[in-house]
Amino acid sequence: MGGASLLCGSPSHIHRYIRLYLLVLRLLLLLLGFLDHSVEGYPHRSSSCGDT
């Protein structure tokens, strides 16, 4: 309850939190994508290297 009123009182803080939240979200998505690519890429790379 107190947090909501605090946010309503200062719009600048809202923008700051939103920007920070989006930045963290973007970093998480990048990290997840990187992990997915690395996990999927390793076996493909090893198999391609083994074939040649």
Protein backbone atom coordinates (compact mmCIF):
# COMPACT_ATOMS: atom_id res chain seq x y z
CA MET A 1 0.00 0.00 0.00
CA GLY A 2 2.71 2.47 1.03
CA GLY A 3 4.78 1.67 -2.06
CA ALA A 4 1.89 2.48 -4.39
CA SER A 5 1.31 5.90 -2.85
CA LEU A 6 5.06 6.54 -2.92
CA LEU A 7 5.23 5.74 -6.63
CA CYS A 8 2.21 7.94 -7.37
CA GLY A 9 3.90 10.81 -5.53
CA SER A 10 7.04 10.76 -7.72
CA PRO A 11 6.60 10.00 -11.45
CA SER A 12 10.35 10.37 -12.05
CA HIS A 13 10.97 7.37 -9.81
CA ILE A 14 8.42 5.34 -11.80
CA HIS A 15 10.29 6.00 -15.05
CA ARG A 16 13.56 5.08 -13.34
CA TYR A 17 12.14 1.80 -12.05
CA ILE A 18 10.55 0.99 -15.43
CA ARG A 19 13.84 1.67 -17.21
CA LEU A 20 15.73 -0.50 -14.72
CA TYR A 21 13.10 -3.25 -14.98
CA LEU A 22 13.28 -3.24 -18.79
CA LEU A 23 17.08 -3.31 -18.67
CA VAL A 24 17.08 -6.32 -16.32
CA LEU A 25 14.45 -8.02 -18.47
CA ARG A 26 16.52 -7.46 -21.62
CA LEU A 27 19.63 -8.81 -19.90
CA LEU A 28 17.73 -11.88 -18.71
CA LEU A 29 16.39 -12.51 -22.22
CA LEU A 30 19.89 -12.13 -23.69
CA LEU A 31 21.30 -14.48 -21.06
CA LEU A 32 18.57 -17.06 -21.69
CA GLY A 33 19.08 -16.82 -25.46
CA PHE A 34 22.85 -17.14 -25.06
CA LEU A 35 22.44 -20.21 -22.83
CA ASP A 36 19.99 -21.79 -25.28
CA HIS A 37 22.36 -21.17 -28.21
CA SER A 38 25.39 -22.47 -26.32
CA VAL A 39 23.54 -25.59 -25.15
CA GLU A 40 22.22 -26.28 -28.65
CA GLY A 41 25.45 -25.21 -30.37
CA TYR A 42 27.93 -27.44 -28.54
CA PRO A 43 26.67 -30.81 -29.84
CA HIS A 44 26.27 -29.39 -33.37
CA ARG A 45 29.81 -28.03 -33.35
CA SER A 46 31.32 -31.25 -32.03
CA SER A 47 29.41 -33.33 -34.60
CA SER A 48 30.42 -31.03 -37.47
CA CYS A 49 34.05 -31.10 -36.33
CA GLY A 50 33.93 -34.89 -36.05
CA ASP A 51 32.46 -35.30 -39.54
CA THR A 52 35.18 -33.27 -41.27
